[in-house]
Amino acid sequence: MTGLEAPRKLSKGDDRSSFTCGATELDDWFRRFAYENQRANNATTYVSTDGKAVCGYYSITVSAVEKSAAHNKFDNPSDPRQLPCILLARLAVSEQYHGSGLGAGLFGDSLKRAALLSESVGARAMLIHARDDQARAFYEHLSETYQMPGNPLHLMIPMKWIRANFLGPNYAG
């Protein structure tokens, strides 16, 4: 990952046209909709570049999960019916950086950003809709995930775990 810039918010001038991660739906969304969604305040995209080209990105937004649909880890009687979450909407790495650790770095940045956001807005967990079993295994390897009943590709990471691991033990809550 040497030579890559730290993740920053996508800007209008970032060249999205040549980004290729190997997953057509992620490439198309990034090229066609990432900036538009950000401008409309639907999702915010963060990119890592080599100074010119985008090498990887992730997008986050707010979401909610019905408590009855969540893993029983999130079954606290005092919780509201809708559990507020930060949704990791998309994460992709350019093909030339596959296996470089960039994906793990972007995921870590998204977790830290979610932890910081959760200090200003309520968020019980980070929600992830993994695109396939390989993506699910990636997230499970790097964090404390809980599969949602009925959909093993929908994962939740407790905000307490994220805060403790990305903001330090004083933030475990």
N, C-alpha and C. Protein backbone atom coordinates (compact mmCIF):
# COMPACT_ATOMS: atom_id res chain seq x y z
N MET A 1 0.82 -1.20 0.00
CA MET A 1 0.00 0.00 0.00
C MET A 1 0.86 1.26 0.00
N THR A 2 2.14 1.14 -0.12
CA THR A 2 3.03 2.28 -0.15
C THR A 2 2.65 3.23 -1.28
N GLY A 3 2.66 4.52 -0.96
CA GLY A 3 2.37 5.52 -1.97
C GLY A 3 0.90 5.88 -2.10
N LEU A 4 0.04 5.25 -1.34
CA LEU A 4 -1.38 5.57 -1.43
C LEU A 4 -1.75 6.61 -0.39
N GLU A 5 -2.66 7.48 -0.78
CA GLU A 5 -3.14 8.51 0.13
C GLU A 5 -4.17 7.91 1.09
N ALA A 6 -4.25 8.49 2.28
CA ALA A 6 -5.27 8.07 3.25
C ALA A 6 -6.65 8.34 2.67
N PRO A 7 -7.63 7.54 3.05
CA PRO A 7 -8.98 7.77 2.52
C PRO A 7 -9.48 9.19 2.81
N ARG A 8 -10.12 9.76 1.82
CA ARG A 8 -10.71 11.09 1.92
C ARG A 8 -12.02 11.09 1.15
N LYS A 9 -12.83 12.08 1.42
CA LYS A 9 -14.14 12.19 0.77
C LYS A 9 -13.96 12.35 -0.74
N LEU A 10 -14.77 11.64 -1.49
CA LEU A 10 -14.78 11.73 -2.95
C LEU A 10 -15.03 13.17 -3.37
N SER A 11 -14.28 13.64 -4.36
CA SER A 11 -14.50 14.99 -4.88
C SER A 11 -14.95 14.90 -6.35
N LYS A 12 -15.55 15.96 -6.81
CA LYS A 12 -16.07 15.99 -8.18
C LYS A 12 -14.96 15.74 -9.19
N GLY A 13 -13.76 16.19 -8.91
CA GLY A 13 -12.64 16.05 -9.84
C GLY A 13 -11.99 14.68 -9.87
N ASP A 14 -12.37 13.78 -8.97
CA ASP A 14 -11.78 12.44 -8.98
C ASP A 14 -12.23 11.69 -10.23
N ASP A 15 -11.26 11.11 -10.94
CA ASP A 15 -11.58 10.33 -12.15
C ASP A 15 -12.13 8.98 -11.74
N ARG A 16 -13.41 8.78 -11.98
CA ARG A 16 -14.06 7.51 -11.65
C ARG A 16 -14.19 6.61 -12.87
N SER A 17 -13.92 7.14 -14.04
CA SER A 17 -14.20 6.43 -15.29
C SER A 17 -13.37 5.17 -15.50
N SER A 18 -12.18 5.10 -14.97
CA SER A 18 -11.31 3.94 -15.24
C SER A 18 -11.26 2.95 -14.08
N PHE A 19 -12.03 3.18 -13.02
CA PHE A 19 -11.98 2.27 -11.87
C PHE A 19 -12.54 0.90 -12.25
N THR A 20 -11.76 -0.16 -11.95
CA THR A 20 -12.20 -1.53 -12.21
C THR A 20 -11.76 -2.42 -11.06
N CYS A 21 -12.76 -2.98 -10.36
CA CYS A 21 -12.46 -3.88 -9.24
C CYS A 21 -12.72 -5.34 -9.58
N GLY A 22 -13.40 -5.58 -10.70
CA GLY A 22 -13.72 -6.95 -11.07
C GLY A 22 -15.17 -7.33 -10.79
N ALA A 23 -15.91 -6.44 -10.15
CA ALA A 23 -17.34 -6.67 -9.89
C ALA A 23 -18.11 -5.56 -10.61
N THR A 24 -18.74 -5.92 -11.68
CA THR A 24 -19.39 -4.94 -12.56
C THR A 24 -20.33 -4.01 -11.81
N GLU A 25 -21.14 -4.55 -10.87
CA GLU A 25 -22.11 -3.70 -10.18
C GLU A 25 -21.42 -2.65 -9.30
N LEU A 26 -20.26 -3.00 -8.72
CA LEU A 26 -19.52 -2.03 -7.90
C LEU A 26 -18.84 -0.99 -8.78
N ASP A 27 -18.28 -1.43 -9.90
CA ASP A 27 -17.66 -0.49 -10.84
C ASP A 27 -18.68 0.50 -11.39
N ASP A 28 -19.82 -0.04 -11.87
CA ASP A 28 -20.85 0.83 -12.45
C ASP A 28 -21.40 1.82 -11.44
N TRP A 29 -21.68 1.36 -10.22
CA TRP A 29 -22.21 2.27 -9.21
C TRP A 29 -21.22 3.39 -8.93
N PHE A 30 -19.94 3.03 -8.77
CA PHE A 30 -18.93 4.05 -8.48
C PHE A 30 -18.81 5.04 -9.62
N ARG A 31 -18.75 4.56 -10.82
CA ARG A 31 -18.59 5.45 -11.98
C ARG A 31 -19.80 6.35 -12.19
N ARG A 32 -21.00 5.78 -12.05
CA ARG A 32 -22.22 6.49 -12.42
C ARG A 32 -22.93 7.20 -11.27
N PHE A 33 -22.84 6.63 -10.06
CA PHE A 33 -23.73 7.12 -9.01
C PHE A 33 -23.06 7.60 -7.71
N ALA A 34 -21.81 7.30 -7.50
CA ALA A 34 -21.17 7.64 -6.22
C ALA A 34 -21.24 9.14 -5.93
N TYR A 35 -20.81 9.95 -6.87
CA TYR A 35 -20.80 11.39 -6.62
C TYR A 35 -22.22 11.94 -6.55
N GLU A 36 -23.10 11.44 -7.38
CA GLU A 36 -24.49 11.91 -7.38
C GLU A 36 -25.17 11.59 -6.05
N ASN A 37 -24.93 10.39 -5.53
CA ASN A 37 -25.48 10.02 -4.23
C ASN A 37 -24.91 10.89 -3.12
N GLN A 38 -23.64 11.22 -3.24
CA GLN A 38 -23.01 12.08 -2.23
C GLN A 38 -23.60 13.49 -2.29
N ARG A 39 -23.75 14.02 -3.50
CA ARG A 39 -24.34 15.36 -3.66
C ARG A 39 -25.76 15.42 -3.11
N ALA A 40 -26.51 14.33 -3.26
CA ALA A 40 -27.90 14.27 -2.78
C ALA A 40 -27.95 13.91 -1.29
N ASN A 41 -26.81 13.71 -0.68
CA ASN A 41 -26.71 13.35 0.74
C ASN A 41 -27.36 12.01 1.06
N ASN A 42 -27.28 11.08 0.10
CA ASN A 42 -27.79 9.73 0.30
C ASN A 42 -26.73 8.78 0.85
N ALA A 43 -25.49 8.97 0.43
CA ALA A 43 -24.36 8.16 0.89
C ALA A 43 -23.11 9.00 0.68
N THR A 44 -22.11 8.79 1.52
CA THR A 44 -20.84 9.48 1.37
C THR A 44 -19.79 8.45 1.01
N THR A 45 -19.00 8.78 0.00
CA THR A 45 -17.97 7.87 -0.50
C THR A 45 -16.59 8.43 -0.14
N TYR A 46 -15.75 7.53 0.34
CA TYR A 46 -14.37 7.84 0.67
C TYR A 46 -13.47 7.06 -0.26
N VAL A 47 -12.44 7.73 -0.78
CA VAL A 47 -11.54 7.11 -1.75
C VAL A 47 -10.10 7.15 -1.25
N SER A 48 -9.34 6.18 -1.70
CA SER A 48 -7.89 6.17 -1.52
C SER A 48 -7.31 6.23 -2.93
N THR A 49 -6.36 7.14 -3.14
CA THR A 49 -5.78 7.30 -4.47
C THR A 49 -4.26 7.15 -4.41
N ASP A 50 -3.67 7.01 -5.58
CA ASP A 50 -2.21 7.00 -5.69
C ASP A 50 -1.70 8.39 -6.08
N GLY A 51 -2.54 9.38 -5.90
CA GLY A 51 -2.22 10.75 -6.29
C GLY A 51 -2.95 11.15 -7.56
N LYS A 52 -3.33 10.15 -8.35
CA LYS A 52 -4.06 10.41 -9.60
C LYS A 52 -5.32 9.55 -9.68
N ALA A 53 -5.11 8.24 -9.69
CA ALA A 53 -6.22 7.30 -9.89
C ALA A 53 -6.80 6.83 -8.56
N VAL A 54 -8.10 6.58 -8.55
CA VAL A 54 -8.76 5.98 -7.39
C VAL A 54 -8.36 4.51 -7.34
N CYS A 55 -7.83 4.09 -6.19
CA CYS A 55 -7.37 2.71 -6.00
C CYS A 55 -8.37 1.88 -5.21
N GLY A 56 -9.24 2.53 -4.47
CA GLY A 56 -10.26 1.84 -3.70
C GLY A 56 -11.23 2.84 -3.11
N TYR A 57 -12.41 2.35 -2.74
CA TYR A 57 -13.41 3.24 -2.15
C TYR A 57 -14.33 2.46 -1.23
N TYR A 58 -15.00 3.22 -0.38
CA TYR A 58 -16.14 2.68 0.37
C TYR A 58 -17.17 3.78 0.52
N SER A 59 -18.42 3.38 0.69
CA SER A 59 -19.52 4.32 0.88
C SER A 59 -20.27 3.94 2.14
N ILE A 60 -20.63 4.96 2.90
CA ILE A 60 -21.40 4.74 4.12
C ILE A 60 -22.63 5.65 4.13
N THR A 61 -23.63 5.21 4.88
CA THR A 61 -24.85 5.98 5.06
C THR A 61 -25.51 5.49 6.35
N VAL A 62 -26.62 6.07 6.69
CA VAL A 62 -27.35 5.62 7.88
C VAL A 62 -28.42 4.64 7.46
N SER A 63 -28.81 3.79 8.39
CA SER A 63 -29.81 2.77 8.12
C SER A 63 -30.45 2.37 9.44
N ALA A 64 -31.35 1.42 9.36
CA ALA A 64 -31.97 0.85 10.55
C ALA A 64 -32.33 -0.60 10.25
N VAL A 65 -32.39 -1.38 11.30
CA VAL A 65 -32.75 -2.80 11.19
C VAL A 65 -33.85 -3.07 12.21
N GLU A 66 -34.87 -3.77 11.78
CA GLU A 66 -35.89 -4.22 12.71
C GLU A 66 -35.23 -5.10 13.76
N LYS A 67 -35.47 -4.80 15.02
CA LYS A 67 -34.87 -5.61 16.09
C LYS A 67 -35.22 -7.08 15.92
N SER A 68 -36.42 -7.37 15.48
CA SER A 68 -36.84 -8.76 15.30
C SER A 68 -36.08 -9.46 14.18
N ALA A 69 -35.44 -8.72 13.27
CA ALA A 69 -34.68 -9.31 12.17
C ALA A 69 -33.19 -9.43 12.49
N ALA A 70 -32.78 -8.84 13.60
CA ALA A 70 -31.36 -8.84 13.97
C ALA A 70 -30.97 -10.11 14.73
N HIS A 71 -29.68 -10.36 14.78
CA HIS A 71 -29.14 -11.46 15.58
C HIS A 71 -29.53 -11.23 17.04
N ASN A 72 -29.71 -12.30 17.81
CA ASN A 72 -30.15 -12.15 19.21
C ASN A 72 -29.14 -11.41 20.08
N LYS A 73 -27.92 -11.20 19.60
CA LYS A 73 -26.93 -10.38 20.30
C LYS A 73 -27.48 -8.96 20.49
N PHE A 74 -28.37 -8.57 19.62
CA PHE A 74 -28.92 -7.20 19.64
C PHE A 74 -30.32 -7.15 20.22
N ASP A 75 -30.67 -8.13 21.05
CA ASP A 75 -32.01 -8.22 21.62
C ASP A 75 -32.04 -7.69 23.05
N ASN A 76 -31.77 -6.42 23.20
CA ASN A 76 -31.83 -5.76 24.49
C ASN A 76 -33.25 -5.21 24.66
N PRO A 77 -33.94 -5.57 25.74
CA PRO A 77 -35.33 -5.11 25.91
C PRO A 77 -35.51 -3.59 25.84
N SER A 78 -34.48 -2.84 26.19
CA SER A 78 -34.62 -1.38 26.17
C SER A 78 -34.35 -0.77 24.81
N ASP A 79 -33.88 -1.57 23.85
CA ASP A 79 -33.62 -1.04 22.51
C ASP A 79 -34.92 -0.72 21.79
N PRO A 80 -34.89 0.28 20.92
CA PRO A 80 -36.08 0.58 20.12
C PRO A 80 -36.36 -0.55 19.12
N ARG A 81 -37.55 -0.54 18.57
CA ARG A 81 -37.94 -1.55 17.58
C ARG A 81 -37.06 -1.50 16.34
N GLN A 82 -36.66 -0.30 15.94
CA GLN A 82 -35.74 -0.10 14.82
C GLN A 82 -34.36 0.23 15.40
N LEU A 83 -33.37 -0.63 15.13
CA LEU A 83 -32.02 -0.40 15.64
C LEU A 83 -31.27 0.51 14.66
N PRO A 84 -30.83 1.68 15.11
CA PRO A 84 -30.09 2.57 14.21
C PRO A 84 -28.71 2.00 13.91
N CYS A 85 -28.30 2.11 12.66
CA CYS A 85 -27.02 1.55 12.22
C CYS A 85 -26.33 2.51 11.25
N ILE A 86 -25.03 2.32 11.12
CA ILE A 86 -24.27 2.90 10.03
C ILE A 86 -24.12 1.78 9.00
N LEU A 87 -24.52 2.02 7.78
CA LEU A 87 -24.46 1.01 6.74
C LEU A 87 -23.20 1.19 5.89
N LEU A 88 -22.39 0.15 5.83
CA LEU A 88 -21.30 0.13 4.87
C LEU A 88 -21.94 -0.33 3.56
N ALA A 89 -22.25 0.63 2.71
CA ALA A 89 -23.04 0.35 1.52
C ALA A 89 -22.22 -0.36 0.44
N ARG A 90 -20.97 0.04 0.30
CA ARG A 90 -20.10 -0.57 -0.71
C ARG A 90 -18.65 -0.41 -0.29
N LEU A 91 -17.84 -1.38 -0.71
CA LEU A 91 -16.38 -1.32 -0.53
C LEU A 91 -15.78 -2.07 -1.70
N ALA A 92 -14.83 -1.44 -2.39
CA ALA A 92 -14.20 -2.07 -3.55
C ALA A 92 -12.76 -1.58 -3.69
N VAL A 93 -11.93 -2.46 -4.22
CA VAL A 93 -10.51 -2.18 -4.44
C VAL A 93 -10.18 -2.45 -5.90
N SER A 94 -9.45 -1.53 -6.52
CA SER A 94 -9.03 -1.69 -7.90
C SER A 94 -8.28 -3.01 -8.07
N GLU A 95 -8.48 -3.68 -9.20
CA GLU A 95 -7.86 -4.99 -9.44
C GLU A 95 -6.36 -4.98 -9.21
N GLN A 96 -5.68 -3.91 -9.56
CA GLN A 96 -4.23 -3.87 -9.40
C GLN A 96 -3.80 -3.85 -7.93
N TYR A 97 -4.74 -3.58 -7.01
CA TYR A 97 -4.41 -3.54 -5.59
C TYR A 97 -5.02 -4.71 -4.81
N HIS A 98 -5.63 -5.67 -5.50
CA HIS A 98 -6.14 -6.85 -4.81
C HIS A 98 -4.99 -7.54 -4.09
N GLY A 99 -5.21 -7.93 -2.84
CA GLY A 99 -4.20 -8.63 -2.06
C GLY A 99 -3.16 -7.73 -1.42
N SER A 100 -3.30 -6.42 -1.58
CA SER A 100 -2.30 -5.48 -1.04
C SER A 100 -2.57 -5.04 0.39
N GLY A 101 -3.75 -5.36 0.91
CA GLY A 101 -4.16 -4.87 2.23
C GLY A 101 -4.98 -3.60 2.16
N LEU A 102 -5.16 -3.06 0.96
CA LEU A 102 -5.95 -1.83 0.82
C LEU A 102 -7.39 -2.04 1.28
N GLY A 103 -7.99 -3.17 0.94
CA GLY A 103 -9.36 -3.43 1.37
C GLY A 103 -9.50 -3.44 2.88
N ALA A 104 -8.56 -4.09 3.56
CA ALA A 104 -8.58 -4.11 5.03
C ALA A 104 -8.39 -2.70 5.58
N GLY A 105 -7.52 -1.92 4.94
CA GLY A 105 -7.31 -0.54 5.38
C GLY A 105 -8.56 0.31 5.21
N LEU A 106 -9.23 0.16 4.08
CA LEU A 106 -10.48 0.91 3.85
C LEU A 106 -11.56 0.48 4.83
N PHE A 107 -11.65 -0.83 5.07
CA PHE A 107 -12.64 -1.32 6.03
C PHE A 107 -12.35 -0.75 7.42
N GLY A 108 -11.09 -0.76 7.83
CA GLY A 108 -10.71 -0.18 9.13
C GLY A 108 -11.06 1.29 9.21
N ASP A 109 -10.82 2.02 8.13
CA ASP A 109 -11.17 3.44 8.11
C ASP A 109 -12.68 3.62 8.26
N SER A 110 -13.46 2.77 7.60
CA SER A 110 -14.92 2.87 7.70
C SER A 110 -15.39 2.59 9.12
N LEU A 111 -14.75 1.63 9.78
CA LEU A 111 -15.12 1.31 11.17
C LEU A 111 -14.78 2.47 12.10
N LYS A 112 -13.61 3.04 11.93
CA LYS A 112 -13.23 4.17 12.78
C LYS A 112 -14.16 5.36 12.54
N ARG A 113 -14.47 5.61 11.29
CA ARG A 113 -15.38 6.72 10.96
C ARG A 113 -16.76 6.47 11.57
N ALA A 114 -17.24 5.22 11.51
CA ALA A 114 -18.53 4.88 12.11
C ALA A 114 -18.50 5.08 13.62
N ALA A 115 -17.40 4.70 14.26
CA ALA A 115 -17.27 4.89 15.71
C ALA A 115 -17.33 6.37 16.06
N LEU A 116 -16.63 7.19 15.31
CA LEU A 116 -16.65 8.63 15.56
C LEU A 116 -18.04 9.21 15.33
N LEU A 117 -18.71 8.78 14.27
CA LEU A 117 -20.08 9.24 13.99
C LEU A 117 -21.03 8.85 15.12
N SER A 118 -20.82 7.65 15.67
CA SER A 118 -21.74 7.16 16.70
C SER A 118 -21.64 7.95 18.00
N GLU A 119 -20.63 8.79 18.11
CA GLU A 119 -20.56 9.67 19.29
C GLU A 119 -21.46 10.89 19.12
N SER A 120 -21.87 11.17 17.89
CA SER A 120 -22.74 12.32 17.62
C SER A 120 -24.16 11.93 17.29
N VAL A 121 -24.35 10.74 16.72
CA VAL A 121 -25.68 10.23 16.39
C VAL A 121 -25.79 8.80 16.91
N GLY A 122 -26.97 8.38 17.24
CA GLY A 122 -27.16 7.02 17.73
C GLY A 122 -26.89 6.00 16.64
N ALA A 123 -26.12 4.98 16.98
CA ALA A 123 -25.86 3.87 16.06
C ALA A 123 -25.51 2.66 16.90
N ARG A 124 -26.32 1.65 16.83
CA ARG A 124 -26.12 0.43 17.63
C ARG A 124 -25.10 -0.50 17.02
N ALA A 125 -24.93 -0.39 15.67
CA ALA A 125 -24.05 -1.32 14.98
C ALA A 125 -23.68 -0.77 13.62
N MET A 126 -22.70 -1.42 13.00
CA MET A 126 -22.46 -1.23 11.58
C MET A 126 -23.15 -2.39 10.88
N LEU A 127 -23.89 -2.07 9.85
CA LEU A 127 -24.59 -3.06 9.05
C LEU A 127 -23.85 -3.22 7.73
N ILE A 128 -23.68 -4.47 7.31
CA ILE A 128 -22.99 -4.76 6.05
C ILE A 128 -23.84 -5.75 5.26
N HIS A 129 -24.06 -5.45 4.00
CA HIS A 129 -24.69 -6.40 3.09
C HIS A 129 -23.58 -6.93 2.19
N ALA A 130 -22.97 -8.03 2.60
CA ALA A 130 -21.88 -8.61 1.81
C ALA A 130 -22.43 -9.10 0.46
N ARG A 131 -21.68 -8.90 -0.58
CA ARG A 131 -22.16 -9.25 -1.93
C ARG A 131 -22.09 -10.74 -2.21
N ASP A 132 -21.21 -11.46 -1.48
CA ASP A 132 -21.07 -12.90 -1.69
C ASP A 132 -20.35 -13.51 -0.49
N ASP A 133 -20.14 -14.84 -0.55
CA ASP A 133 -19.49 -15.54 0.57
C ASP A 133 -18.05 -15.09 0.79
N GLN A 134 -17.35 -14.76 -0.28
CA GLN A 134 -15.97 -14.29 -0.16
C GLN A 134 -15.92 -12.95 0.60
N ALA A 135 -16.82 -12.06 0.27
CA ALA A 135 -16.89 -10.77 0.97
C ALA A 135 -17.27 -10.99 2.43
N ARG A 136 -18.25 -11.87 2.67
CA ARG A 136 -18.64 -12.16 4.05
C ARG A 136 -17.44 -12.66 4.86
N ALA A 137 -16.66 -13.59 4.29
CA ALA A 137 -15.49 -14.14 4.98
C ALA A 137 -14.46 -13.04 5.27
N PHE A 138 -14.31 -12.10 4.37
CA PHE A 138 -13.40 -10.96 4.55
C PHE A 138 -13.80 -10.17 5.80
N TYR A 139 -15.08 -9.80 5.88
CA TYR A 139 -15.55 -9.01 7.02
C TYR A 139 -15.49 -9.80 8.32
N GLU A 140 -15.83 -11.08 8.25
CA GLU A 140 -15.80 -11.92 9.45
C GLU A 140 -14.37 -12.11 9.97
N HIS A 141 -13.42 -12.15 9.07
CA HIS A 141 -12.01 -12.30 9.46
C HIS A 141 -11.49 -11.05 10.18
N LEU A 142 -12.00 -9.89 9.81
CA LEU A 142 -11.46 -8.63 10.32
C LEU A 142 -12.24 -8.01 11.47
N SER A 143 -13.38 -8.58 11.84
CA SER A 143 -14.20 -7.94 12.86
C SER A 143 -15.09 -8.95 13.57
N GLU A 144 -15.77 -8.48 14.59
CA GLU A 144 -16.73 -9.30 15.33
C GLU A 144 -18.09 -9.13 14.67
N THR A 145 -18.42 -10.06 13.79
CA THR A 145 -19.67 -9.95 13.04
C THR A 145 -20.71 -10.94 13.55
N TYR A 146 -21.96 -10.58 13.35
CA TYR A 146 -23.09 -11.44 13.67
C TYR A 146 -23.98 -11.48 12.44
N GLN A 147 -24.24 -12.69 11.95
CA GLN A 147 -25.11 -12.85 10.78
C GLN A 147 -26.56 -12.63 11.19
N MET A 148 -27.29 -11.99 10.32
CA MET A 148 -28.70 -11.80 10.56
C MET A 148 -29.44 -13.09 10.22
N PRO A 149 -30.35 -13.52 11.07
CA PRO A 149 -31.09 -14.76 10.79
C PRO A 149 -31.79 -14.68 9.44
N GLY A 150 -31.69 -15.74 8.69
CA GLY A 150 -32.36 -15.80 7.40
C GLY A 150 -31.55 -15.23 6.25
N ASN A 151 -30.46 -14.51 6.54
CA ASN A 151 -29.62 -13.99 5.47
C ASN A 151 -28.17 -13.91 5.94
N PRO A 152 -27.39 -14.96 5.69
CA PRO A 152 -26.02 -14.99 6.17
C PRO A 152 -25.09 -13.97 5.52
N LEU A 153 -25.55 -13.27 4.48
CA LEU A 153 -24.74 -12.22 3.87
C LEU A 153 -24.98 -10.85 4.50
N HIS A 154 -25.98 -10.76 5.38
CA HIS A 154 -26.23 -9.51 6.10
C HIS A 154 -25.59 -9.64 7.47
N LEU A 155 -24.63 -8.76 7.73
CA LEU A 155 -23.83 -8.82 8.94
C LEU A 155 -24.02 -7.57 9.78
N MET A 156 -23.89 -7.74 11.09
CA MET A 156 -23.92 -6.61 12.01
C MET A 156 -22.68 -6.69 12.90
N ILE A 157 -22.06 -5.54 13.11
CA ILE A 157 -20.90 -5.43 14.00
C ILE A 157 -21.31 -4.50 15.13
N PRO A 158 -21.27 -4.97 16.38
CA PRO A 158 -21.69 -4.11 17.49
C PRO A 158 -20.83 -2.85 17.58
N MET A 159 -21.47 -1.72 17.80
CA MET A 159 -20.73 -0.46 17.92
C MET A 159 -19.80 -0.49 19.13
N LYS A 160 -20.18 -1.21 20.18
CA LYS A 160 -19.28 -1.32 21.33
C LYS A 160 -17.96 -1.94 20.93
N TRP A 161 -18.00 -2.98 20.09
CA TRP A 161 -16.77 -3.62 19.62
C TRP A 161 -15.97 -2.65 18.76
N ILE A 162 -16.65 -1.93 17.88
CA ILE A 162 -15.96 -0.98 16.99
C ILE A 162 -15.29 0.11 17.81
N ARG A 163 -16.01 0.69 18.76
CA ARG A 163 -15.43 1.75 19.59
C ARG A 163 -14.22 1.25 20.37
N ALA A 164 -14.35 0.08 20.98
CA ALA A 164 -13.24 -0.47 21.78
C ALA A 164 -12.01 -0.72 20.92
N ASN A 165 -12.20 -1.15 19.68
CA ASN A 165 -11.07 -1.50 18.82
C ASN A 165 -10.53 -0.35 17.98
N PHE A 166 -11.33 0.68 17.76
CA PHE A 166 -10.88 1.77 16.91
C PHE A 166 -10.76 3.11 17.60
N LEU A 167 -11.34 3.24 18.79
CA LEU A 167 -11.20 4.47 19.55
C LEU A 167 -10.51 4.24 20.89
N GLY A 168 -10.33 2.99 21.28
CA GLY A 168 -9.65 2.66 22.52
C GLY A 168 -10.62 2.15 23.58
N PRO A 169 -10.08 1.55 24.63
CA PRO A 169 -10.92 0.91 25.66
C PRO A 169 -11.81 1.88 26.42
N ASN A 170 -11.48 3.15 26.49
CA ASN A 170 -12.31 4.11 27.21
C ASN A 170 -13.60 4.42 26.47
N TYR A 171 -13.70 3.96 25.23
CA TYR A 171 -14.88 4.25 24.43
C TYR A 171 -15.82 3.06 24.29
N ALA A 172 -15.55 1.98 24.98
CA ALA A 172 -16.35 0.75 24.81
C ALA A 172 -17.81 0.97 25.17
N GLY A 173 -18.09 1.90 26.03
CA GLY A 173 -19.49 2.23 26.34
C GLY A 173 -20.16 1.32 27.27
